[in-house]
Amino acid sequence: MTKRMEQTQNAKMVQLALFREYGFQPCLKDIKILNTRDFDEFPGHVEALYTVVKGHFYNVFFDVTGEATVYKY
């Protein structure tokens, strides 16, 4: 997978997690991913995304099943 496709996929995961947690769905261009962290056991599967959406910081953590937990700062 190319870097651009990976970034788009991560932004879509953030978009879905924010919609499920807070009920709003930001535009993909408004999501800026600062850092990602993959699972050690499952390379290529995202464990955490550190993002900025319209000036607000969000940390999105995923468990092994794909369930997302969102923290807003």
PDB file of N, CA and C in Angstrom:
ATOM      1  N   MET A   1       0.850  -1.164   0.000  1.00  0.00           N
ATOM      2  CA  MET A   1       0.000   0.000   0.000  1.00  0.00           C
ATOM      3  C   MET A   1       0.904   1.238   0.000  1.00  0.00           C
ATOM      4  N   THR A   2       0.523   2.201  -0.804  1.00  0.00           N
ATOM      5  CA  THR A   2       1.329   3.420  -0.864  1.00  0.00           C
ATOM      6  C   THR A   2       1.107   4.268   0.377  1.00  0.00           C
ATOM      7  N   LYS A   3       2.009   5.187   0.599  1.00  0.00           N
ATOM      8  CA  LYS A   3       1.937   6.061   1.778  1.00  0.00           C
ATOM      9  C   LYS A   3       0.655   6.899   1.759  1.00  0.00           C
ATOM     10  N   ARG A   4       0.282   7.405   0.591  1.00  0.00           N
ATOM     11  CA  ARG A   4      -0.925   8.229   0.476  1.00  0.00           C
ATOM     12  C   ARG A   4      -2.183   7.416   0.788  1.00  0.00           C
ATOM     13  N   MET A   5      -2.246   6.189   0.275  1.00  0.00           N
ATOM     14  CA  MET A   5      -3.400   5.332   0.551  1.00  0.00           C
ATOM     15  C   MET A   5      -3.481   5.000   2.035  1.00  0.00           C
ATOM     16  N   GLU A   6      -2.330   4.773   2.661  1.00  0.00           N
ATOM     17  CA  GLU A   6      -2.285   4.474   4.092  1.00  0.00           C
ATOM     18  C   GLU A   6      -2.764   5.671   4.910  1.00  0.00           C
ATOM     19  N   GLN A   7      -2.351   6.878   4.527  1.00  0.00           N
ATOM     20  CA  GLN A   7      -2.790   8.084   5.228  1.00  0.00           C
ATOM     21  C   GLN A   7      -4.292   8.286   5.078  1.00  0.00           C
ATOM     22  N   THR A   8      -4.822   8.030   3.881  1.00  0.00           N
ATOM     23  CA  THR A   8      -6.262   8.161   3.653  1.00  0.00           C
ATOM     24  C   THR A   8      -7.031   7.141   4.478  1.00  0.00           C
ATOM     25  N   GLN A   9      -6.538   5.916   4.531  1.00  0.00           N
ATOM     26  CA  GLN A   9      -7.194   4.876   5.327  1.00  0.00           C
ATOM     27  C   GLN A   9      -7.187   5.246   6.813  1.00  0.00           C
ATOM     28  N   ASN A  10      -6.071   5.757   7.309  1.00  0.00           N
ATOM     29  CA  ASN A  10      -5.990   6.170   8.710  1.00  0.00           C
ATOM     30  C   ASN A  10      -6.938   7.327   8.994  1.00  0.00           C
ATOM     31  N   ALA A  11      -7.035   8.283   8.070  1.00  0.00           N
ATOM     32  CA  ALA A  11      -7.953   9.412   8.251  1.00  0.00           C
ATOM     33  C   ALA A  11      -9.399   8.928   8.286  1.00  0.00           C
ATOM     34  N   LYS A  12      -9.736   7.950   7.461  1.00  0.00           N
ATOM     35  CA  LYS A  12     -11.094   7.398   7.472  1.00  0.00           C
ATOM     36  C   LYS A  12     -11.385   6.680   8.786  1.00  0.00           C
ATOM     37  N   MET A  13     -10.381   6.006   9.340  1.00  0.00           N
ATOM     38  CA  MET A  13     -10.555   5.343  10.637  1.00  0.00           C
ATOM     39  C   MET A  13     -10.803   6.377  11.733  1.00  0.00           C
ATOM     40  N   VAL A  14     -10.080   7.495  11.697  1.00  0.00           N
ATOM     41  CA  VAL A  14     -10.287   8.575  12.662  1.00  0.00           C
ATOM     42  C   VAL A  14     -11.677   9.167  12.478  1.00  0.00           C
ATOM     43  N   GLN A  15     -12.069   9.386  11.234  1.00  0.00           N
ATOM     44  CA  GLN A  15     -13.382   9.949  10.927  1.00  0.00           C
ATOM     45  C   GLN A  15     -14.498   9.071  11.498  1.00  0.00           C
ATOM     46  N   LEU A  16     -14.403   7.769  11.306  1.00  0.00           N
ATOM     47  CA  LEU A  16     -15.420   6.846  11.814  1.00  0.00           C
ATOM     48  C   LEU A  16     -15.421   6.802  13.340  1.00  0.00           C
ATOM     49  N   ALA A  17     -14.232   6.796  13.952  1.00  0.00           N
ATOM     50  CA  ALA A  17     -14.145   6.762  15.414  1.00  0.00           C
ATOM     51  C   ALA A  17     -14.749   8.023  16.028  1.00  0.00           C
ATOM     52  N   LEU A  18     -14.483   9.181  15.432  1.00  0.00           N
ATOM     53  CA  LEU A  18     -15.057  10.427  15.947  1.00  0.00           C
ATOM     54  C   LEU A  18     -16.566  10.449  15.772  1.00  0.00           C
ATOM     55  N   PHE A  19     -17.060   9.904  14.667  1.00  0.00           N
ATOM     56  CA  PHE A  19     -18.500   9.856  14.456  1.00  0.00           C
ATOM     57  C   PHE A  19     -19.170   8.962  15.492  1.00  0.00           C
ATOM     58  N   ARG A  20     -18.568   7.823  15.774  1.00  0.00           N
ATOM     59  CA  ARG A  20     -19.151   6.903  16.762  1.00  0.00           C
ATOM     60  C   ARG A  20     -19.088   7.466  18.177  1.00  0.00           C
ATOM     61  N   GLU A  21     -18.010   8.175  18.494  1.00  0.00           N
ATOM     62  CA  GLU A  21     -17.810   8.667  19.858  1.00  0.00           C
ATOM     63  C   GLU A  21     -18.537   9.986  20.120  1.00  0.00           C
ATOM     64  N   TYR A  22     -18.432  10.936  19.172  1.00  0.00           N
ATOM     65  CA  TYR A  22     -18.946  12.285  19.405  1.00  0.00           C
ATOM     66  C   TYR A  22     -20.097  12.682  18.490  1.00  0.00           C
ATOM     67  N   GLY A  23     -20.399  11.884  17.491  1.00  0.00           N
ATOM     68  CA  GLY A  23     -21.528  12.174  16.622  1.00  0.00           C
ATOM     69  C   GLY A  23     -21.248  13.194  15.536  1.00  0.00           C
ATOM     70  N   PHE A  24     -19.994  13.521  15.280  1.00  0.00           N
ATOM     71  CA  PHE A  24     -19.694  14.401  14.152  1.00  0.00           C
ATOM     72  C   PHE A  24     -18.665  13.744  13.255  1.00  0.00           C
ATOM     73  N   GLN A  25     -18.752  14.082  11.976  1.00  0.00           N
ATOM     74  CA  GLN A  25     -17.890  13.451  10.988  1.00  0.00           C
ATOM     75  C   GLN A  25     -17.126  14.545  10.247  1.00  0.00           C
ATOM     76  N   PRO A  26     -15.890  14.808  10.660  1.00  0.00           N
ATOM     77  CA  PRO A  26     -15.127  15.870  10.006  1.00  0.00           C
ATOM     78  C   PRO A  26     -14.743  15.475   8.579  1.00  0.00           C
ATOM     79  N   CYS A  27     -14.517  16.481   7.770  1.00  0.00           N
ATOM     80  CA  CYS A  27     -14.058  16.262   6.403  1.00  0.00           C
ATOM     81  C   CYS A  27     -12.653  15.650   6.449  1.00  0.00           C
ATOM     82  N   LEU A  28     -12.349  14.778   5.503  1.00  0.00           N
ATOM     83  CA  LEU A  28     -11.041  14.113   5.499  1.00  0.00           C
ATOM     84  C   LEU A  28      -9.894  15.113   5.407  1.00  0.00           C
ATOM     85  N   LYS A  29     -10.106  16.222   4.696  1.00  0.00           N
ATOM     86  CA  LYS A  29      -9.022  17.206   4.557  1.00  0.00           C
ATOM     87  C   LYS A  29      -8.766  17.971   5.855  1.00  0.00           C
ATOM     88  N   ASP A  30      -9.713  17.937   6.800  1.00  0.00           N
ATOM     89  CA  ASP A  30      -9.541  18.614   8.090  1.00  0.00           C
ATOM     90  C   ASP A  30      -8.779  17.763   9.101  1.00  0.00           C
ATOM     91  N   ILE A  31      -8.567  16.492   8.807  1.00  0.00           N
ATOM     92  CA  ILE A  31      -7.888  15.577   9.725  1.00  0.00           C
ATOM     93  C   ILE A  31      -6.397  15.583   9.409  1.00  0.00           C
ATOM     94  N   LYS A  32      -5.598  15.976  10.398  1.00  0.00           N
ATOM     95  CA  LYS A  32      -4.145  15.951  10.244  1.00  0.00           C
ATOM     96  C   LYS A  32      -3.591  14.929  11.231  1.00  0.00           C
ATOM     97  N   ILE A  33      -2.946  13.900  10.714  1.00  0.00           N
ATOM     98  CA  ILE A  33      -2.388  12.844  11.556  1.00  0.00           C
ATOM     99  C   ILE A  33      -0.959  13.218  11.914  1.00  0.00           C
ATOM    100  N   LEU A  34      -0.717  13.388  13.215  1.00  0.00           N
ATOM    101  CA  LEU A  34       0.606  13.783  13.682  1.00  0.00           C
ATOM    102  C   LEU A  34       1.546  12.597  13.815  1.00  0.00           C
ATOM    103  N   ASN A  35       1.015  11.477  14.316  1.00  0.00           N
ATOM    104  CA  ASN A  35       1.860  10.311  14.564  1.00  0.00           C
ATOM    105  C   ASN A  35       0.985   9.063  14.601  1.00  0.00           C
ATOM    106  N   THR A  36       1.560   7.935  14.222  1.00  0.00           N
ATOM    107  CA  THR A  36       0.865   6.652  14.309  1.00  0.00           C
ATOM    108  C   THR A  36       1.757   5.655  15.031  1.00  0.00           C
ATOM    109  N   ARG A  37       1.119   4.648  15.596  1.00  0.00           N
ATOM    110  CA  ARG A  37       1.863   3.568  16.251  1.00  0.00           C
ATOM    111  C   ARG A  37       1.188   2.250  15.875  1.00  0.00           C
ATOM    112  N   ASP A  38       1.982   1.292  15.410  1.00  0.00           N
ATOM    113  CA  ASP A  38       1.463  -0.019  15.016  1.00  0.00           C
ATOM    114  C   ASP A  38       1.590  -1.010  16.163  1.00  0.00           C
ATOM    115  N   PHE A  39       0.773  -2.061  16.112  1.00  0.00           N
ATOM    116  CA  PHE A  39       0.902  -3.166  17.058  1.00  0.00           C
ATOM    117  C   PHE A  39       2.234  -3.863  16.825  1.00  0.00           C
ATOM    118  N   ASP A  40       2.918  -4.241  17.904  1.00  0.00           N
ATOM    119  CA  ASP A  40       4.164  -4.997  17.773  1.00  0.00           C
ATOM    120  C   ASP A  40       3.896  -6.389  17.205  1.00  0.00           C
ATOM    121  N   GLU A  41       2.790  -7.000  17.641  1.00  0.00           N
ATOM    122  CA  GLU A  41       2.469  -8.366  17.219  1.00  0.00           C
ATOM    123  C   GLU A  41       1.899  -8.414  15.806  1.00  0.00           C
ATOM    124  N   PHE A  42       1.274  -7.313  15.365  1.00  0.00           N
ATOM    125  CA  PHE A  42       0.618  -7.266  14.055  1.00  0.00           C
ATOM    126  C   PHE A  42       1.137  -6.071  13.263  1.00  0.00           C
ATOM    127  N   PRO A  43       2.288  -6.194  12.640  1.00  0.00           N
ATOM    128  CA  PRO A  43       2.823  -5.068  11.867  1.00  0.00           C
ATOM    129  C   PRO A  43       1.856  -4.657  10.755  1.00  0.00           C
ATOM    130  N   GLY A  44       1.709  -3.367  10.564  1.00  0.00           N
ATOM    131  CA  GLY A  44       0.797  -2.863   9.548  1.00  0.00           C
ATOM    132  C   GLY A  44      -0.596  -2.582  10.067  1.00  0.00           C
ATOM    133  N   HIS A  45      -0.901  -2.981  11.308  1.00  0.00           N
ATOM    134  CA  HIS A  45      -2.195  -2.702  11.922  1.00  0.00           C
ATOM    135  C   HIS A  45      -1.998  -1.583  12.940  1.00  0.00           C
ATOM    136  N   VAL A  46      -2.778  -0.532  12.804  1.00  0.00           N
ATOM    137  CA  VAL A  46      -2.608   0.663  13.632  1.00  0.00           C
ATOM    138  C   VAL A  46      -3.120   0.423  15.043  1.00  0.00           C
ATOM    139  N   GLU A  47      -2.309   0.792  16.027  1.00  0.00           N
ATOM    140  CA  GLU A  47      -2.706   0.698  17.434  1.00  0.00           C
ATOM    141  C   GLU A  47      -3.158   2.056  17.953  1.00  0.00           C
ATOM    142  N   ALA A  48      -2.500   3.130  17.523  1.00  0.00           N
ATOM    143  CA  ALA A  48      -2.835   4.462  18.021  1.00  0.00           C
ATOM    144  C   ALA A  48      -2.594   5.499  16.931  1.00  0.00           C
ATOM    145  N   LEU A  49      -3.482   6.490  16.893  1.00  0.00           N
ATOM    146  CA  LEU A  49      -3.344   7.622  15.985  1.00  0.00           C
ATOM    147  C   LEU A  49      -3.430   8.897  16.810  1.00  0.00           C
ATOM    148  N   TYR A  50      -2.487   9.770  16.623  1.00  0.00           N
ATOM    149  CA  TYR A  50      -2.478  11.065  17.305  1.00  0.00           C
ATOM    150  C   TYR A  50      -2.796  12.109  16.247  1.00  0.00           C
ATOM    151  N   THR A  51      -3.929  12.806  16.408  1.00  0.00           N
ATOM    152  CA  THR A  51      -4.432  13.655  15.336  1.00  0.00           C
ATOM    153  C   THR A  51      -4.819  15.040  15.832  1.00  0.00           C
ATOM    154  N   VAL A  52      -4.962  15.946  14.860  1.00  0.00           N
ATOM    155  CA  VAL A  52      -5.520  17.275  15.088  1.00  0.00           C
ATOM    156  C   VAL A  52      -6.662  17.442  14.095  1.00  0.00           C
ATOM    157  N   VAL A  53      -7.833  17.826  14.613  1.00  0.00           N
ATOM    158  CA  VAL A  53      -8.986  18.099  13.763  1.00  0.00           C
ATOM    159  C   VAL A  53      -9.501  19.477  14.131  1.00  0.00           C
ATOM    160  N   LYS A  54      -9.362  20.413  13.208  1.00  0.00           N
ATOM    161  CA  LYS A  54      -9.829  21.790  13.402  1.00  0.00           C
ATOM    162  C   LYS A  54      -9.348  22.374  14.725  1.00  0.00           C
ATOM    163  N   GLY A  55      -8.078  22.191  15.036  1.00  0.00           N
ATOM    164  CA  GLY A  55      -7.485  22.784  16.228  1.00  0.00           C
ATOM    165  C   GLY A  55      -7.657  21.989  17.510  1.00  0.00           C
ATOM    166  N   HIS A  56      -8.342  20.868  17.464  1.00  0.00           N
ATOM    167  CA  HIS A  56      -8.531  20.030  18.645  1.00  0.00           C
ATOM    168  C   HIS A  56      -7.690  18.767  18.504  1.00  0.00           C
ATOM    169  N   PHE A  57      -7.029  18.379  19.593  1.00  0.00           N
ATOM    170  CA  PHE A  57      -6.184  17.193  19.588  1.00  0.00           C
ATOM    171  C   PHE A  57      -6.996  15.975  20.010  1.00  0.00           C
ATOM    172  N   TYR A  58      -6.849  14.895  19.267  1.00  0.00           N
ATOM    173  CA  TYR A  58      -7.517  13.635  19.573  1.00  0.00           C
ATOM    174  C   TYR A  58      -6.493  12.510  19.531  1.00  0.00           C
ATOM    175  N   ASN A  59      -6.584  11.615  20.485  1.00  0.00           N
ATOM    176  CA  ASN A  59      -5.825  10.368  20.456  1.00  0.00           C
ATOM    177  C   ASN A  59      -6.835   9.252  20.254  1.00  0.00           C
ATOM    178  N   VAL A  60      -6.621   8.451  19.236  1.00  0.00           N
ATOM    179  CA  VAL A  60      -7.517   7.339  18.930  1.00  0.00           C
ATOM    180  C   VAL A  60      -6.726   6.053  19.125  1.00  0.00           C
ATOM    181  N   PHE A  61      -7.196   5.211  20.036  1.00  0.00           N
ATOM    182  CA  PHE A  61      -6.534   3.941  20.333  1.00  0.00           C
ATOM    183  C   PHE A  61      -7.429   2.798  19.866  1.00  0.00           C
ATOM    184  N   PHE A  62      -6.825   1.806  19.244  1.00  0.00           N
ATOM    185  CA  PHE A  62      -7.552   0.643  18.744  1.00  0.00           C
ATOM    186  C   PHE A  62      -7.095  -0.597  19.495  1.00  0.00           C
ATOM    187  N   ASP A  63      -8.056  -1.480  19.821  1.00  0.00           N
ATOM    188  CA  ASP A  63      -7.665  -2.756  20.411  1.00  0.00           C
ATOM    189  C   ASP A  63      -7.520  -3.783  19.287  1.00  0.00           C
ATOM    190  N   VAL A  64      -7.264  -5.019  19.642  1.00  0.00           N
ATOM    191  CA  VAL A  64      -6.988  -6.056  18.644  1.00  0.00           C
ATOM    192  C   VAL A  64      -8.200  -6.311  17.753  1.00  0.00           C
ATOM    193  N   THR A  65      -9.404  -6.127  18.285  1.00  0.00           N
ATOM    194  CA  THR A  65     -10.616  -6.373  17.502  1.00  0.00           C
ATOM    195  C   THR A  65     -10.993  -5.198  16.618  1.00  0.00           C
ATOM    196  N   GLY A  66     -10.310  -4.068  16.752  1.00  0.00           N
ATOM    197  CA  GLY A  66     -10.605  -2.894  15.935  1.00  0.00           C
ATOM    198  C   GLY A  66     -11.480  -1.871  16.626  1.00  0.00           C
ATOM    199  N   GLU A  67     -11.888  -2.145  17.853  1.00  0.00           N
ATOM    200  CA  GLU A  67     -12.704  -1.198  18.622  1.00  0.00           C
ATOM    201  C   GLU A  67     -11.862   0.032  18.956  1.00  0.00           C
ATOM    202  N   ALA A  68     -12.434   1.206  18.719  1.00  0.00           N
ATOM    203  CA  ALA A  68     -11.692   2.455  18.913  1.00  0.00           C
ATOM    204  C   ALA A  68     -12.104   3.151  20.204  1.00  0.00           C
ATOM    205  N   THR A  69     -11.129   3.749  20.871  1.00  0.00           N
ATOM    206  CA  THR A  69     -11.347   4.599  22.033  1.00  0.00           C
ATOM    207  C   THR A  69     -10.746   5.958  21.710  1.00  0.00           C
ATOM    208  N   VAL A  70     -11.548   7.015  21.890  1.00  0.00           N
ATOM    209  CA  VAL A  70     -11.117   8.360  21.510  1.00  0.00           C
ATOM    210  C   VAL A  70     -10.952   9.208  22.760  1.00  0.00           C
ATOM    211  N   TYR A  71      -9.830   9.917  22.836  1.00  0.00           N
ATOM    212  CA  TYR A  71      -9.579  10.879  23.908  1.00  0.00           C
ATOM    213  C   TYR A  71      -9.376  12.246  23.282  1.00  0.00           C
ATOM    214  N   LYS A  72     -10.091  13.240  23.802  1.00  0.00           N
ATOM    215  CA  LYS A  72      -9.979  14.607  23.289  1.00  0.00           C
ATOM    216  C   LYS A  72      -9.190  15.441  24.280  1.00  0.00           C
ATOM    217  N   TYR A  73      -8.270  16.264  23.752  1.00  0.00           N
ATOM    218  CA  TYR A  73      -7.461  17.140  24.598  1.00  0.00           C
ATOM    219  C   TYR A  73      -7.670  18.573  24.208  1.00  0.00           C
TER     220      TYR A  73
END
